[in-house]
Amino acid sequence: MSTGTTQTGYPIPPAAFDPVTWARNKILRANQLQELILQQFMAAYQDFWGVADPPNGSVHTVQQMQDIINAMPQATALDIMQDSRGFSAYIESAYPGVLPAKYRDSAFEVTITNNTIIVGSLKPAWAAPPEVT
């Protein structure tokens, strides 16, 4: 009586090292990461400002966006805006030309005075297209 396991079928030889396959997989993963970073940043940006791409205005009025910013601690709101600018600069540096220019700054005109954020009008890049009659 045997206690070992018996292999059925033909033995499969180990796969040979193939540098091209390894290189292709690493490039595919790098491309997937780039796409994920870009998609996640753009989605978070659109969510924060209430905009969409293609542009169709914002779900927030200027006053609503100001109220949202005012409801945050100003240091937090400033940090979020600075982080967004910094991250968009990183994306542009790491992946030149893939981030549309309109994502590199706030969707609304913003003035910062004495650590107070004042929200102005929606920038033209995010405005709804004129209605065709």
C-alpha atoms as a PDB file:
ATOM      1  CA  MET A   1       0.000   0.000   0.000  1.00  0.00           C
ATOM      2  CA  SER A   2       1.464   3.340  -1.050  1.00  0.00           C
ATOM      3  CA  THR A   3       1.004   6.469   1.070  1.00  0.00           C
ATOM      4  CA  GLY A   4       2.493   8.908  -1.475  1.00  0.00           C
ATOM      5  CA  THR A   5       0.513  10.821  -4.060  1.00  0.00           C
ATOM      6  CA  THR A   6       0.475   9.659  -7.621  1.00  0.00           C
ATOM      7  CA  GLN A   7       0.653  12.152 -10.447  1.00  0.00           C
ATOM      8  CA  THR A   8      -1.641  11.465 -13.345  1.00  0.00           C
ATOM      9  CA  GLY A   9      -1.020  12.795 -16.805  1.00  0.00           C
ATOM     10  CA  TYR A  10       2.209  14.031 -18.274  1.00  0.00           C
ATOM     11  CA  PRO A  11       4.716  16.101 -16.313  1.00  0.00           C
ATOM     12  CA  ILE A  12       4.687  19.795 -17.183  1.00  0.00           C
ATOM     13  CA  PRO A  13       8.126  21.335 -17.491  1.00  0.00           C
ATOM     14  CA  PRO A  14       8.707  24.578 -15.597  1.00  0.00           C
ATOM     15  CA  ALA A  15       8.258  27.732 -17.639  1.00  0.00           C
ATOM     16  CA  ALA A  16      11.453  29.236 -18.953  1.00  0.00           C
ATOM     17  CA  PHE A  17      12.333  32.761 -17.924  1.00  0.00           C
ATOM     18  CA  ASP A  18      11.057  35.100 -20.626  1.00  0.00           C
ATOM     19  CA  PRO A  19      12.281  38.690 -20.149  1.00  0.00           C
ATOM     20  CA  VAL A  20       9.911  40.081 -22.785  1.00  0.00           C
ATOM     21  CA  THR A  21       6.861  38.674 -20.982  1.00  0.00           C
ATOM     22  CA  TRP A  22       8.121  40.053 -17.665  1.00  0.00           C
ATOM     23  CA  ALA A  23       8.826  43.458 -19.241  1.00  0.00           C
ATOM     24  CA  ARG A  24       5.400  43.582 -20.901  1.00  0.00           C
ATOM     25  CA  ASN A  25       3.657  42.788 -17.608  1.00  0.00           C
ATOM     26  CA  LYS A  26       5.607  45.466 -15.745  1.00  0.00           C
ATOM     27  CA  ILE A  27       4.809  48.066 -18.409  1.00  0.00           C
ATOM     28  CA  LEU A  28       1.130  47.075 -18.399  1.00  0.00           C
ATOM     29  CA  ARG A  29       1.012  47.488 -14.598  1.00  0.00           C
ATOM     30  CA  ALA A  30       2.730  50.884 -14.811  1.00  0.00           C
ATOM     31  CA  ASN A  31       0.210  51.994 -17.452  1.00  0.00           C
ATOM     32  CA  GLN A  32      -2.670  50.761 -15.285  1.00  0.00           C
ATOM     33  CA  LEU A  33      -1.303  52.715 -12.315  1.00  0.00           C
ATOM     34  CA  GLN A  34      -1.002  55.866 -14.415  1.00  0.00           C
ATOM     35  CA  GLU A  35      -4.593  55.522 -15.599  1.00  0.00           C
ATOM     36  CA  LEU A  36      -5.845  54.825 -12.069  1.00  0.00           C
ATOM     37  CA  ILE A  37      -4.022  57.848 -10.628  1.00  0.00           C
ATOM     38  CA  LEU A  38      -5.415  60.083 -13.356  1.00  0.00           C
ATOM     39  CA  GLN A  39      -8.980  58.747 -13.043  1.00  0.00           C
ATOM     40  CA  GLN A  40      -9.027  58.987  -9.244  1.00  0.00           C
ATOM     41  CA  PHE A  41      -7.622  62.526  -9.205  1.00  0.00           C
ATOM     42  CA  MET A  42     -10.072  63.748 -11.837  1.00  0.00           C
ATOM     43  CA  ALA A  43     -13.016  62.080 -10.061  1.00  0.00           C
ATOM     44  CA  ALA A  44     -12.064  63.648  -6.700  1.00  0.00           C
ATOM     45  CA  TYR A  45     -11.601  67.051  -8.354  1.00  0.00           C
ATOM     46  CA  GLN A  46     -14.996  66.851 -10.065  1.00  0.00           C
ATOM     47  CA  ASP A  47     -16.641  65.767  -6.816  1.00  0.00           C
ATOM     48  CA  PHE A  48     -15.056  68.581  -4.795  1.00  0.00           C
ATOM     49  CA  TRP A  49     -16.068  71.349  -7.213  1.00  0.00           C
ATOM     50  CA  GLY A  50     -19.315  69.760  -8.412  1.00  0.00           C
ATOM     51  CA  VAL A  51     -18.252  69.758 -12.052  1.00  0.00           C
ATOM     52  CA  ALA A  52     -18.277  67.143 -14.793  1.00  0.00           C
ATOM     53  CA  ASP A  53     -16.329  66.437 -17.932  1.00  0.00           C
ATOM     54  CA  PRO A  54     -17.455  67.273 -20.542  1.00  0.00           C
ATOM     55  CA  PRO A  55     -18.167  70.623 -18.882  1.00  0.00           C
ATOM     56  CA  ASN A  56     -21.760  71.368 -18.005  1.00  0.00           C
ATOM     57  CA  GLY A  57     -21.410  73.943 -15.259  1.00  0.00           C
ATOM     58  CA  SER A  58     -21.339  73.064 -11.577  1.00  0.00           C
ATOM     59  CA  VAL A  59     -24.013  71.524  -9.408  1.00  0.00           C
ATOM     60  CA  HIS A  60     -23.142  74.298  -6.922  1.00  0.00           C
ATOM     61  CA  THR A  61     -23.823  77.984  -7.250  1.00  0.00           C
ATOM     62  CA  VAL A  62     -21.049  80.377  -6.265  1.00  0.00           C
ATOM     63  CA  GLN A  63     -22.832  80.992  -2.947  1.00  0.00           C
ATOM     64  CA  GLN A  64     -23.227  77.273  -2.261  1.00  0.00           C
ATOM     65  CA  MET A  65     -19.541  76.660  -2.979  1.00  0.00           C
ATOM     66  CA  GLN A  66     -18.637  79.550  -0.681  1.00  0.00           C
ATOM     67  CA  ASP A  67     -20.893  78.092   2.029  1.00  0.00           C
ATOM     68  CA  ILE A  68     -19.226  74.679   1.624  1.00  0.00           C
ATOM     69  CA  ILE A  69     -15.763  76.228   1.936  1.00  0.00           C
ATOM     70  CA  ASN A  70     -16.901  78.312   4.932  1.00  0.00           C
ATOM     71  CA  ALA A  71     -18.250  75.186   6.652  1.00  0.00           C
ATOM     72  CA  MET A  72     -14.740  73.691   6.595  1.00  0.00           C
ATOM     73  CA  PRO A  73     -11.984  74.838   8.883  1.00  0.00           C
ATOM     74  CA  GLN A  74     -10.168  77.333   6.635  1.00  0.00           C
ATOM     75  CA  ALA A  75      -6.832  75.579   7.228  1.00  0.00           C
ATOM     76  CA  THR A  76      -8.376  72.341   5.935  1.00  0.00           C
ATOM     77  CA  ALA A  77      -9.861  74.010   2.850  1.00  0.00           C
ATOM     78  CA  LEU A  78      -6.537  75.712   2.100  1.00  0.00           C
ATOM     79  CA  ASP A  79      -4.691  72.428   2.548  1.00  0.00           C
ATOM     80  CA  ILE A  80      -7.070  70.603   0.197  1.00  0.00           C
ATOM     81  CA  MET A  81      -6.560  73.262  -2.491  1.00  0.00           C
ATOM     82  CA  GLN A  82      -2.771  73.254  -2.047  1.00  0.00           C
ATOM     83  CA  ASP A  83      -2.694  69.446  -2.118  1.00  0.00           C
ATOM     84  CA  SER A  84      -4.730  69.467  -5.327  1.00  0.00           C
ATOM     85  CA  ARG A  85      -2.332  71.895  -7.001  1.00  0.00           C
ATOM     86  CA  GLY A  86       0.651  69.900  -5.764  1.00  0.00           C
ATOM     87  CA  PHE A  87      -0.786  66.596  -6.911  1.00  0.00           C
ATOM     88  CA  SER A  88      -1.715  67.973 -10.321  1.00  0.00           C
ATOM     89  CA  ALA A  89       1.880  69.254 -10.640  1.00  0.00           C
ATOM     90  CA  TYR A  90       3.118  65.758  -9.728  1.00  0.00           C
ATOM     91  CA  ILE A  91       0.868  64.183 -12.365  1.00  0.00           C
ATOM     92  CA  GLU A  92       2.099  66.660 -14.984  1.00  0.00           C
ATOM     93  CA  SER A  93       5.710  65.960 -14.010  1.00  0.00           C
ATOM     94  CA  ALA A  94       5.358  62.172 -13.919  1.00  0.00           C
ATOM     95  CA  TYR A  95       3.019  61.859 -16.907  1.00  0.00           C
ATOM     96  CA  PRO A  96       3.475  64.978 -19.076  1.00  0.00           C
ATOM     97  CA  GLY A  97       0.467  66.007 -21.112  1.00  0.00           C
ATOM     98  CA  VAL A  98      -2.099  63.533 -19.758  1.00  0.00           C
ATOM     99  CA  LEU A  99      -3.875  65.849 -17.284  1.00  0.00           C
ATOM    100  CA  PRO A 100      -6.083  68.419 -19.026  1.00  0.00           C
ATOM    101  CA  ALA A 101      -5.086  71.985 -18.091  1.00  0.00           C
ATOM    102  CA  LYS A 102      -8.462  72.762 -16.510  1.00  0.00           C
ATOM    103  CA  TYR A 103      -7.674  70.281 -13.697  1.00  0.00           C
ATOM    104  CA  ARG A 104      -4.501  72.113 -12.653  1.00  0.00           C
ATOM    105  CA  ASP A 105      -6.309  74.836 -10.716  1.00  0.00           C
ATOM    106  CA  SER A 106      -9.650  75.396  -8.996  1.00  0.00           C
ATOM    107  CA  ALA A 107     -12.856  75.167 -11.037  1.00  0.00           C
ATOM    108  CA  PHE A 108     -14.047  78.460  -9.554  1.00  0.00           C
ATOM    109  CA  GLU A 109     -12.117  81.707  -9.326  1.00  0.00           C
ATOM    110  CA  VAL A 110     -10.647  81.708  -5.825  1.00  0.00           C
ATOM    111  CA  THR A 111      -9.058  84.569  -3.918  1.00  0.00           C
ATOM    112  CA  ILE A 112      -7.165  83.893  -0.707  1.00  0.00           C
ATOM    113  CA  THR A 113      -6.752  86.864   1.614  1.00  0.00           C
ATOM    114  CA  ASN A 114      -5.416  86.534   5.155  1.00  0.00           C
ATOM    115  CA  ASN A 115      -6.095  82.768   5.061  1.00  0.00           C
ATOM    116  CA  THR A 116      -9.699  83.434   4.046  1.00  0.00           C
ATOM    117  CA  ILE A 117     -10.982  81.845   0.866  1.00  0.00           C
ATOM    118  CA  ILE A 118     -13.344  83.860  -1.311  1.00  0.00           C
ATOM    119  CA  VAL A 119     -15.067  81.929  -4.097  1.00  0.00           C
ATOM    120  CA  GLY A 120     -15.759  83.765  -7.352  1.00  0.00           C
ATOM    121  CA  SER A 121     -17.372  82.734 -10.608  1.00  0.00           C
ATOM    122  CA  LEU A 122     -17.040  79.360 -12.287  1.00  0.00           C
ATOM    123  CA  LYS A 123     -14.127  79.368 -14.708  1.00  0.00           C
ATOM    124  CA  PRO A 124     -15.017  79.295 -18.419  1.00  0.00           C
ATOM    125  CA  ALA A 125     -13.393  75.872 -18.920  1.00  0.00           C
ATOM    126  CA  TRP A 126     -16.147  74.370 -16.721  1.00  0.00           C
ATOM    127  CA  ALA A 127     -19.088  76.471 -17.951  1.00  0.00           C
ATOM    128  CA  ALA A 128     -22.035  74.802 -19.611  1.00  0.00           C
ATOM    129  CA  PRO A 129     -21.920  75.132 -23.383  1.00  0.00           C
ATOM    130  CA  PRO A 130     -24.316  77.680 -24.848  1.00  0.00           C
ATOM    131  CA  GLU A 131     -27.676  76.301 -25.837  1.00  0.00           C
ATOM    132  CA  VAL A 132     -28.165  75.813 -29.531  1.00  0.00           C
ATOM    133  CA  THR A 133     -31.463  77.192 -30.783  1.00  0.00           C
END
